[in-house]
C-alpha atoms as a PDB file:
ATOM      1  CA  UNK A   1      19.221 -11.009  10.518  1.00  0.00           C
ATOM      2  CA  UNK A   2      17.232 -12.179  13.565  1.00  0.00           C
ATOM      3  CA  UNK A   3      17.277  -8.627  14.945  1.00  0.00           C
ATOM      4  CA  UNK A   4      15.607  -7.285  11.786  1.00  0.00           C
ATOM      5  CA  UNK A   5      13.100 -10.129  11.780  1.00  0.00           C
ATOM      6  CA  UNK A   6      12.142  -9.332  15.392  1.00  0.00           C
ATOM      7  CA  UNK A   7      11.851  -5.614  14.614  1.00  0.00           C
ATOM      8  CA  UNK A   8       9.671  -6.407  11.598  1.00  0.00           C
ATOM      9  CA  UNK A   9       7.377  -8.627  13.677  1.00  0.00           C
ATOM     10  CA  UNK A  10       7.098  -5.982  16.413  1.00  0.00           C
ATOM     11  CA  UNK A  11       6.316  -3.241  13.877  1.00  0.00           C
ATOM     12  CA  UNK A  12       3.719  -5.435  12.189  1.00  0.00           C
ATOM     13  CA  UNK A  13       2.040  -6.280  15.518  1.00  0.00           C
ATOM     14  CA  UNK A  14       1.851  -2.611  16.529  1.00  0.00           C
ATOM     15  CA  UNK A  15       0.413  -1.656  13.138  1.00  0.00           C
ATOM     16  CA  UNK A  16      -2.269  -4.352  13.360  1.00  0.00           C
ATOM     17  CA  UNK A  17      -3.238  -3.229  16.868  1.00  0.00           C
ATOM     18  CA  UNK A  18      -3.491   0.429  15.838  1.00  0.00           C
ATOM     19  CA  UNK A  19      -5.547  -0.313  12.750  1.00  0.00           C
ATOM     20  CA  UNK A  20      -7.887  -2.520  14.798  1.00  0.00           C
ATOM     21  CA  UNK A  21      -8.521   0.144  17.448  1.00  0.00           C
ATOM     22  CA  UNK A  22     -11.011   2.229  15.460  1.00  0.00           C
ATOM     23  CA  UNK A  23     -13.284  -0.107  13.575  1.00  0.00           C
ATOM     24  CA  UNK A  24     -16.031   1.620  11.581  1.00  0.00           C
ATOM     25  CA  UNK A  25     -19.579   0.725  12.558  1.00  0.00           C
ATOM     26  CA  UNK A  26     -21.474  -1.620  10.299  1.00  0.00           C
ATOM     27  CA  UNK A  27     -24.509   0.657  10.016  1.00  0.00           C
ATOM     28  CA  UNK A  28     -23.570   4.313   9.374  1.00  0.00           C
ATOM     29  CA  UNK A  29     -27.227   5.392   9.745  1.00  0.00           C
ATOM     30  CA  UNK A  30     -27.103   4.489  13.442  1.00  0.00           C
ATOM     31  CA  UNK A  31     -24.261   6.889  14.253  1.00  0.00           C
ATOM     32  CA  UNK A  32     -25.178   9.553  16.812  1.00  0.00           C
ATOM     33  CA  UNK A  33     -25.448  13.177  15.729  1.00  0.00           C
ATOM     34  CA  UNK A  34     -24.764  16.271  17.814  1.00  0.00           C
ATOM     35  CA  UNK A  35     -28.475  17.102  17.477  1.00  0.00           C
ATOM     36  CA  UNK A  36     -29.406  13.795  19.116  1.00  0.00           C
ATOM     37  CA  UNK A  37     -26.858  14.416  21.880  1.00  0.00           C
ATOM     38  CA  UNK A  38     -28.323  17.875  22.508  1.00  0.00           C
ATOM     39  CA  UNK A  39     -31.823  16.359  22.825  1.00  0.00           C
ATOM     40  CA  UNK A  40     -30.711  14.286  25.816  1.00  0.00           C
ATOM     41  CA  UNK A  41     -31.865  15.830  29.064  1.00  0.00           C
ATOM     42  CA  UNK A  42     -30.862  14.935  32.601  1.00  0.00           C
ATOM     43  CA  UNK A  43     -33.277  12.494  34.202  1.00  0.00           C
ATOM     44  CA  UNK A  44     -34.289  11.049  30.806  1.00  0.00           C
ATOM     45  CA  UNK A  45     -35.429   7.437  31.172  1.00  0.00           C
ATOM     46  CA  UNK A  46     -32.980   4.761  29.982  1.00  0.00           C
ATOM     47  CA  UNK A  47     -35.583   3.264  27.614  1.00  0.00           C
ATOM     48  CA  UNK A  48     -36.301   6.684  26.058  1.00  0.00           C
ATOM     49  CA  UNK A  49     -32.584   7.207  25.392  1.00  0.00           C
ATOM     50  CA  UNK A  50     -32.357   3.776  23.752  1.00  0.00           C
ATOM     51  CA  UNK A  51     -35.396   4.640  21.616  1.00  0.00           C
ATOM     52  CA  UNK A  52     -33.671   7.849  20.471  1.00  0.00           C
ATOM     53  CA  UNK A  53     -30.129   6.541  19.924  1.00  0.00           C
ATOM     54  CA  UNK A  54     -30.544   2.815  19.381  1.00  0.00           C
ATOM     55  CA  UNK A  55     -28.489   0.166  21.135  1.00  0.00           C
ATOM     56  CA  UNK A  56     -25.145   1.367  22.544  1.00  0.00           C
ATOM     57  CA  UNK A  57     -21.978   0.384  20.719  1.00  0.00           C
ATOM     58  CA  UNK A  58     -20.020  -0.142  23.928  1.00  0.00           C
ATOM     59  CA  UNK A  59     -20.827  -0.986  27.514  1.00  0.00           C
ATOM     60  CA  UNK A  60     -18.021  -0.226  29.950  1.00  0.00           C
ATOM     61  CA  UNK A  61     -15.590   0.078  27.027  1.00  0.00           C
ATOM     62  CA  UNK A  62     -16.476  -3.409  25.736  1.00  0.00           C
ATOM     63  CA  UNK A  63     -18.156  -3.838  22.365  1.00  0.00           C
ATOM     64  CA  UNK A  64     -21.865  -4.467  22.770  1.00  0.00           C
ATOM     65  CA  UNK A  65     -22.949  -7.685  21.086  1.00  0.00           C
ATOM     66  CA  UNK A  66     -26.369  -8.011  22.723  1.00  0.00           C
ATOM     67  CA  UNK A  67     -29.523  -7.555  20.675  1.00  0.00           C
ATOM     68  CA  UNK A  68     -31.220  -5.634  23.468  1.00  0.00           C
ATOM     69  CA  UNK A  69     -29.552  -3.811  26.352  1.00  0.00           C
ATOM     70  CA  UNK A  70     -31.219  -3.164  29.676  1.00  0.00           C
ATOM     71  CA  UNK A  71     -30.182  -0.738  32.399  1.00  0.00           C
ATOM     72  CA  UNK A  72     -27.629  -2.376  34.691  1.00  0.00           C
ATOM     73  CA  UNK A  73     -26.465  -0.020  37.447  1.00  0.00           C
ATOM     74  CA  UNK A  74     -25.019   3.445  38.025  1.00  0.00           C
ATOM     75  CA  UNK A  75     -21.460   2.199  37.473  1.00  0.00           C
ATOM     76  CA  UNK A  76     -22.196   1.147  33.902  1.00  0.00           C
ATOM     77  CA  UNK A  77     -21.018   3.411  31.074  1.00  0.00           C
ATOM     78  CA  UNK A  78     -22.928   3.219  27.801  1.00  0.00           C
ATOM     79  CA  UNK A  79     -21.374   4.771  24.701  1.00  0.00           C
ATOM     80  CA  UNK A  80     -22.182   5.332  21.037  1.00  0.00           C
ATOM     81  CA  UNK A  81     -20.058   6.232  18.032  1.00  0.00           C
ATOM     82  CA  UNK A  82     -20.798   9.598  16.427  1.00  0.00           C
ATOM     83  CA  UNK A  83     -21.153  10.708  12.825  1.00  0.00           C
ATOM     84  CA  UNK A  84     -18.097  12.976  12.998  1.00  0.00           C
ATOM     85  CA  UNK A  85     -14.741  11.208  12.595  1.00  0.00           C
ATOM     86  CA  UNK A  86     -13.510   9.840  15.941  1.00  0.00           C
ATOM     87  CA  UNK A  87     -16.548  11.194  17.781  1.00  0.00           C
ATOM     88  CA  UNK A  88     -18.308   9.412  20.611  1.00  0.00           C
ATOM     89  CA  UNK A  89     -20.788  10.056  23.355  1.00  0.00           C
ATOM     90  CA  UNK A  90     -20.894   8.392  26.764  1.00  0.00           C
ATOM     91  CA  UNK A  91     -23.881   8.290  29.072  1.00  0.00           C
ATOM     92  CA  UNK A  92     -24.260   7.352  32.723  1.00  0.00           C
ATOM     93  CA  UNK A  93     -27.547   6.469  34.402  1.00  0.00           C
ATOM     94  CA  UNK A  94     -28.602   6.331  38.039  1.00  0.00           C
ATOM     95  CA  UNK A  95     -31.814   4.528  38.964  1.00  0.00           C
ATOM     96  CA  UNK A  96     -32.548   4.178  35.243  1.00  0.00           C
ATOM     97  CA  UNK A  97     -32.320   7.928  34.575  1.00  0.00           C
ATOM     98  CA  UNK A  98     -29.631   9.893  32.770  1.00  0.00           C
ATOM     99  CA  UNK A  99     -27.421  11.837  35.161  1.00  0.00           C
ATOM    100  CA  UNK A 100     -24.220  12.441  33.196  1.00  0.00           C
ATOM    101  CA  UNK A 101     -23.455  12.829  29.506  1.00  0.00           C
ATOM    102  CA  UNK A 102     -20.128  13.356  27.756  1.00  0.00           C
ATOM    103  CA  UNK A 103     -19.164  13.979  24.146  1.00  0.00           C
ATOM    104  CA  UNK A 104     -15.880  13.819  22.279  1.00  0.00           C
ATOM    105  CA  UNK A 105     -14.973  14.769  18.736  1.00  0.00           C
ATOM    106  CA  UNK A 106     -18.022  16.901  17.919  1.00  0.00           C
ATOM    107  CA  UNK A 107     -17.410  20.532  17.005  1.00  0.00           C
END
């Protein structure tokens, strides 16, 4: 009986972790579109990108809870959830200017 109880607890814990991995954003209007992503040009100023996309959802893979984000350094990764299911974009800045952009889940 203890073996089944342990297996049940393990299965439950894994299920909870998997369900918690992809939390939907609170404000669906702030999800990034492929059109917005395509508007981003190399060397765009950090503040201009924030004006276009809004505050990032994640900073270095951690959920962003700040009201206002400022440029940190070139090792910081800023990312936003996209409108398409499981889509995201990630942006990297050097000296406050966009130098690398990545997308996932957009067709």
